[in-house]
């Protein structure tokens, strides 16, 4: 009975906190005076979101871009070329295997590989910054191959217009 009660309280707290954040607004990015983008389906691109940019994944213990990653990045480059006022941060992530120091370095190599490829495709390098989170921001905390595959990634966050 105690577990059920505690679970109910935690659930109620999570729901109430989540509802409290719905009213928060984010800075909107505009293109030529109009709200631009794909984003959340409302036609708005917001700082802190990924807009129309897709995540790319990496092989185990590697920072080289796969054929699939290059295809995704070509689409991302086209999206960025169509939204020339947007600046993005490329985040490098790793799975939970390896030391913290190693994963931070690998995450940085991944983010840099993505930044360089986007620049090679014609996206102005000054619009792209990088950061590594190593294993700190996992999408899936399971210790399975499927979870590790999800976590080996580079993703994008819009930082400025």
C-alpha atoms as a PDB file:
ATOM      1  CA  UNK A   1       0.000   0.000   0.000  1.00  0.00           C
ATOM      2  CA  UNK A   2       2.867   2.367   0.837  1.00  0.00           C
ATOM      3  CA  UNK A   3       4.468   1.833  -2.577  1.00  0.00           C
ATOM      4  CA  UNK A   4       1.204   2.622  -4.350  1.00  0.00           C
ATOM      5  CA  UNK A   5       0.759   5.803  -2.306  1.00  0.00           C
ATOM      6  CA  UNK A   6       4.311   6.987  -2.993  1.00  0.00           C
ATOM      7  CA  UNK A   7       3.925   6.152  -6.688  1.00  0.00           C
ATOM      8  CA  UNK A   8       0.694   8.195  -6.796  1.00  0.00           C
ATOM      9  CA  UNK A   9       2.356  11.196  -5.163  1.00  0.00           C
ATOM     10  CA  UNK A  10       5.328  11.059  -7.528  1.00  0.00           C
ATOM     11  CA  UNK A  11       3.022  10.741 -10.541  1.00  0.00           C
ATOM     12  CA  UNK A  12       0.922  13.678  -9.375  1.00  0.00           C
ATOM     13  CA  UNK A  13       4.076  15.771  -8.901  1.00  0.00           C
ATOM     14  CA  UNK A  14       5.409  14.881 -12.357  1.00  0.00           C
ATOM     15  CA  UNK A  15       2.072  15.733 -13.984  1.00  0.00           C
ATOM     16  CA  UNK A  16       1.747  19.040 -12.146  1.00  0.00           C
ATOM     17  CA  UNK A  17       5.331  20.076 -12.944  1.00  0.00           C
ATOM     18  CA  UNK A  18       4.836  19.129 -16.591  1.00  0.00           C
ATOM     19  CA  UNK A  19       1.663  21.188 -16.819  1.00  0.00           C
ATOM     20  CA  UNK A  20       3.409  24.139 -15.235  1.00  0.00           C
ATOM     21  CA  UNK A  21       5.998  24.225 -18.000  1.00  0.00           C
ATOM     22  CA  UNK A  22       3.492  24.229 -20.846  1.00  0.00           C
ATOM     23  CA  UNK A  23       2.960  27.943 -20.498  1.00  0.00           C
ATOM     24  CA  UNK A  24       6.662  28.812 -20.840  1.00  0.00           C
ATOM     25  CA  UNK A  25       7.499  30.494 -24.105  1.00  0.00           C
ATOM     26  CA  UNK A  26      10.705  30.214 -26.058  1.00  0.00           C
ATOM     27  CA  UNK A  27      12.317  32.786 -28.324  1.00  0.00           C
ATOM     28  CA  UNK A  28      10.913  32.381 -31.826  1.00  0.00           C
ATOM     29  CA  UNK A  29      13.116  32.531 -34.880  1.00  0.00           C
ATOM     30  CA  UNK A  30      11.666  34.437 -37.813  1.00  0.00           C
ATOM     31  CA  UNK A  31      12.625  34.476 -41.462  1.00  0.00           C
ATOM     32  CA  UNK A  32      11.930  37.632 -43.485  1.00  0.00           C
ATOM     33  CA  UNK A  33       9.437  38.863 -40.893  1.00  0.00           C
ATOM     34  CA  UNK A  34       7.364  35.691 -40.959  1.00  0.00           C
ATOM     35  CA  UNK A  35       7.380  32.771 -38.619  1.00  0.00           C
ATOM     36  CA  UNK A  36       9.530  30.128 -40.266  1.00  0.00           C
ATOM     37  CA  UNK A  37      10.039  26.450 -40.159  1.00  0.00           C
ATOM     38  CA  UNK A  38       8.893  22.979 -39.514  1.00  0.00           C
ATOM     39  CA  UNK A  39       9.602  22.580 -35.801  1.00  0.00           C
ATOM     40  CA  UNK A  40       6.647  21.544 -33.685  1.00  0.00           C
ATOM     41  CA  UNK A  41       3.987  21.649 -36.405  1.00  0.00           C
ATOM     42  CA  UNK A  42       2.904  25.193 -35.546  1.00  0.00           C
ATOM     43  CA  UNK A  43       5.149  26.759 -38.181  1.00  0.00           C
ATOM     44  CA  UNK A  44       7.483  28.143 -35.504  1.00  0.00           C
ATOM     45  CA  UNK A  45      11.148  27.389 -34.974  1.00  0.00           C
ATOM     46  CA  UNK A  46      12.230  27.946 -31.410  1.00  0.00           C
ATOM     47  CA  UNK A  47      15.570  28.389 -29.704  1.00  0.00           C
ATOM     48  CA  UNK A  48      16.414  25.144 -27.903  1.00  0.00           C
ATOM     49  CA  UNK A  49      14.570  22.934 -30.395  1.00  0.00           C
ATOM     50  CA  UNK A  50      15.980  20.993 -33.314  1.00  0.00           C
ATOM     51  CA  UNK A  51      13.717  22.512 -35.978  1.00  0.00           C
ATOM     52  CA  UNK A  52      13.788  20.261 -39.022  1.00  0.00           C
ATOM     53  CA  UNK A  53      17.227  18.810 -38.219  1.00  0.00           C
ATOM     54  CA  UNK A  54      17.523  15.050 -37.793  1.00  0.00           C
ATOM     55  CA  UNK A  55      19.769  13.059 -35.463  1.00  0.00           C
ATOM     56  CA  UNK A  56      22.646  11.060 -36.936  1.00  0.00           C
ATOM     57  CA  UNK A  57      24.010   7.875 -35.374  1.00  0.00           C
ATOM     58  CA  UNK A  58      27.498   6.413 -35.162  1.00  0.00           C
ATOM     59  CA  UNK A  59      29.051   2.974 -35.024  1.00  0.00           C
ATOM     60  CA  UNK A  60      30.563   1.721 -31.765  1.00  0.00           C
ATOM     61  CA  UNK A  61      33.797   3.486 -30.795  1.00  0.00           C
ATOM     62  CA  UNK A  62      33.811   5.555 -34.002  1.00  0.00           C
ATOM     63  CA  UNK A  63      33.452   9.155 -35.115  1.00  0.00           C
ATOM     64  CA  UNK A  64      33.396   8.486 -38.851  1.00  0.00           C
ATOM     65  CA  UNK A  65      30.168   9.235 -40.697  1.00  0.00           C
ATOM     66  CA  UNK A  66      28.242   6.278 -42.066  1.00  0.00           C
ATOM     67  CA  UNK A  67      26.550   6.379 -45.470  1.00  0.00           C
ATOM     68  CA  UNK A  68      23.202   6.793 -43.697  1.00  0.00           C
ATOM     69  CA  UNK A  69      24.573   9.664 -41.576  1.00  0.00           C
ATOM     70  CA  UNK A  70      25.857  11.440 -44.695  1.00  0.00           C
ATOM     71  CA  UNK A  71      22.427  11.154 -46.323  1.00  0.00           C
ATOM     72  CA  UNK A  72      20.741  12.621 -43.249  1.00  0.00           C
ATOM     73  CA  UNK A  73      23.333  15.397 -43.067  1.00  0.00           C
ATOM     74  CA  UNK A  74      22.747  16.313 -46.708  1.00  0.00           C
ATOM     75  CA  UNK A  75      19.064  16.837 -45.833  1.00  0.00           C
ATOM     76  CA  UNK A  76      20.073  18.805 -42.737  1.00  0.00           C
ATOM     77  CA  UNK A  77      22.397  20.980 -44.846  1.00  0.00           C
ATOM     78  CA  UNK A  78      19.564  21.767 -47.262  1.00  0.00           C
ATOM     79  CA  UNK A  79      17.305  22.682 -44.335  1.00  0.00           C
ATOM     80  CA  UNK A  80      19.999  24.953 -42.900  1.00  0.00           C
ATOM     81  CA  UNK A  81      20.600  26.592 -46.289  1.00  0.00           C
ATOM     82  CA  UNK A  82      16.889  27.379 -46.404  1.00  0.00           C
ATOM     83  CA  UNK A  83      17.058  28.940 -42.925  1.00  0.00           C
ATOM     84  CA  UNK A  84      20.173  31.082 -43.264  1.00  0.00           C
ATOM     85  CA  UNK A  85      19.552  33.090 -40.103  1.00  0.00           C
ATOM     86  CA  UNK A  86      19.652  30.068 -37.792  1.00  0.00           C
ATOM     87  CA  UNK A  87      22.708  29.048 -35.762  1.00  0.00           C
ATOM     88  CA  UNK A  88      22.989  25.527 -34.427  1.00  0.00           C
ATOM     89  CA  UNK A  89      24.952  23.658 -31.822  1.00  0.00           C
ATOM     90  CA  UNK A  90      25.969  20.123 -32.767  1.00  0.00           C
ATOM     91  CA  UNK A  91      25.901  17.892 -29.686  1.00  0.00           C
ATOM     92  CA  UNK A  92      28.096  14.781 -29.612  1.00  0.00           C
ATOM     93  CA  UNK A  93      26.854  11.858 -27.503  1.00  0.00           C
ATOM     94  CA  UNK A  94      28.143   8.395 -26.590  1.00  0.00           C
ATOM     95  CA  UNK A  95      26.843   5.213 -25.039  1.00  0.00           C
ATOM     96  CA  UNK A  96      27.690   4.344 -21.442  1.00  0.00           C
ATOM     97  CA  UNK A  97      30.702   2.156 -22.214  1.00  0.00           C
ATOM     98  CA  UNK A  98      34.146   3.693 -21.740  1.00  0.00           C
ATOM     99  CA  UNK A  99      35.450   6.199 -19.223  1.00  0.00           C
ATOM    100  CA  UNK A 100      33.929   9.618 -18.810  1.00  0.00           C
ATOM    101  CA  UNK A 101      37.045  11.277 -20.269  1.00  0.00           C
ATOM    102  CA  UNK A 102      37.124   8.949 -23.262  1.00  0.00           C
ATOM    103  CA  UNK A 103      33.424   9.454 -24.001  1.00  0.00           C
ATOM    104  CA  UNK A 104      33.729  13.244 -23.770  1.00  0.00           C
ATOM    105  CA  UNK A 105      36.583  13.165 -26.279  1.00  0.00           C
ATOM    106  CA  UNK A 106      34.704  10.761 -28.598  1.00  0.00           C
ATOM    107  CA  UNK A 107      31.541  12.883 -28.379  1.00  0.00           C
ATOM    108  CA  UNK A 108      33.581  15.935 -29.384  1.00  0.00           C
ATOM    109  CA  UNK A 109      35.072  14.074 -32.355  1.00  0.00           C
ATOM    110  CA  UNK A 110      31.558  13.097 -33.448  1.00  0.00           C
ATOM    111  CA  UNK A 111      30.258  16.657 -33.165  1.00  0.00           C
ATOM    112  CA  UNK A 112      33.291  17.981 -35.063  1.00  0.00           C
ATOM    113  CA  UNK A 113      32.873  15.390 -37.842  1.00  0.00           C
ATOM    114  CA  UNK A 114      29.264  16.512 -38.305  1.00  0.00           C
ATOM    115  CA  UNK A 115      30.192  20.215 -38.223  1.00  0.00           C
ATOM    116  CA  UNK A 116      32.935  19.694 -40.796  1.00  0.00           C
ATOM    117  CA  UNK A 117      30.693  17.710 -43.132  1.00  0.00           C
ATOM    118  CA  UNK A 118      27.939  20.337 -42.955  1.00  0.00           C
ATOM    119  CA  UNK A 119      30.519  23.049 -43.691  1.00  0.00           C
ATOM    120  CA  UNK A 120      31.807  20.997 -46.644  1.00  0.00           C
ATOM    121  CA  UNK A 121      28.207  20.915 -47.912  1.00  0.00           C
ATOM    122  CA  UNK A 122      28.044  24.714 -47.891  1.00  0.00           C
ATOM    123  CA  UNK A 123      26.701  25.613 -44.454  1.00  0.00           C
ATOM    124  CA  UNK A 124      28.690  28.551 -43.068  1.00  0.00           C
ATOM    125  CA  UNK A 125      30.989  27.226 -40.322  1.00  0.00           C
ATOM    126  CA  UNK A 126      30.325  30.334 -38.193  1.00  0.00           C
ATOM    127  CA  UNK A 127      26.716  29.150 -37.838  1.00  0.00           C
ATOM    128  CA  UNK A 128      27.812  25.830 -36.302  1.00  0.00           C
ATOM    129  CA  UNK A 129      29.186  25.272 -32.812  1.00  0.00           C
ATOM    130  CA  UNK A 130      29.959  21.967 -31.113  1.00  0.00           C
ATOM    131  CA  UNK A 131      29.758  20.478 -27.647  1.00  0.00           C
ATOM    132  CA  UNK A 132      30.259  17.004 -26.244  1.00  0.00           C
ATOM    133  CA  UNK A 133      28.067  15.513 -23.563  1.00  0.00           C
ATOM    134  CA  UNK A 134      29.785  12.130 -23.672  1.00  0.00           C
ATOM    135  CA  UNK A 135      27.452   9.683 -21.977  1.00  0.00           C
ATOM    136  CA  UNK A 136      25.726  12.314 -19.794  1.00  0.00           C
ATOM    137  CA  UNK A 137      22.517  12.810 -21.818  1.00  0.00           C
ATOM    138  CA  UNK A 138      21.401   9.331 -22.777  1.00  0.00           C
ATOM    139  CA  UNK A 139      18.176   8.795 -24.668  1.00  0.00           C
ATOM    140  CA  UNK A 140      17.889   5.259 -23.291  1.00  0.00           C
ATOM    141  CA  UNK A 141      19.467   4.225 -19.980  1.00  0.00           C
ATOM    142  CA  UNK A 142      19.156   0.488 -20.611  1.00  0.00           C
ATOM    143  CA  UNK A 143      22.382  -1.468 -20.870  1.00  0.00           C
ATOM    144  CA  UNK A 144      21.475  -3.168 -24.144  1.00  0.00           C
ATOM    145  CA  UNK A 145      22.836  -3.000 -27.671  1.00  0.00           C
ATOM    146  CA  UNK A 146      19.623  -1.277 -28.788  1.00  0.00           C
ATOM    147  CA  UNK A 147      20.016   1.418 -26.127  1.00  0.00           C
ATOM    148  CA  UNK A 148      23.716   1.905 -26.864  1.00  0.00           C
ATOM    149  CA  UNK A 149      22.902   2.323 -30.566  1.00  0.00           C
ATOM    150  CA  UNK A 150      20.375   5.085 -29.776  1.00  0.00           C
ATOM    151  CA  UNK A 151      22.852   6.899 -27.556  1.00  0.00           C
ATOM    152  CA  UNK A 152      25.746   7.003 -30.070  1.00  0.00           C
ATOM    153  CA  UNK A 153      24.589  10.123 -31.870  1.00  0.00           C
ATOM    154  CA  UNK A 154      24.968  13.732 -32.856  1.00  0.00           C
ATOM    155  CA  UNK A 155      21.928  15.934 -32.546  1.00  0.00           C
ATOM    156  CA  UNK A 156      21.175  19.581 -33.130  1.00  0.00           C
ATOM    157  CA  UNK A 157      19.928  22.453 -31.010  1.00  0.00           C
ATOM    158  CA  UNK A 158      19.013  25.842 -32.455  1.00  0.00           C
ATOM    159  CA  UNK A 159      20.952  28.444 -30.477  1.00  0.00           C
ATOM    160  CA  UNK A 160      20.236  31.732 -32.215  1.00  0.00           C
ATOM    161  CA  UNK A 161      18.581  33.413 -35.141  1.00  0.00           C
END
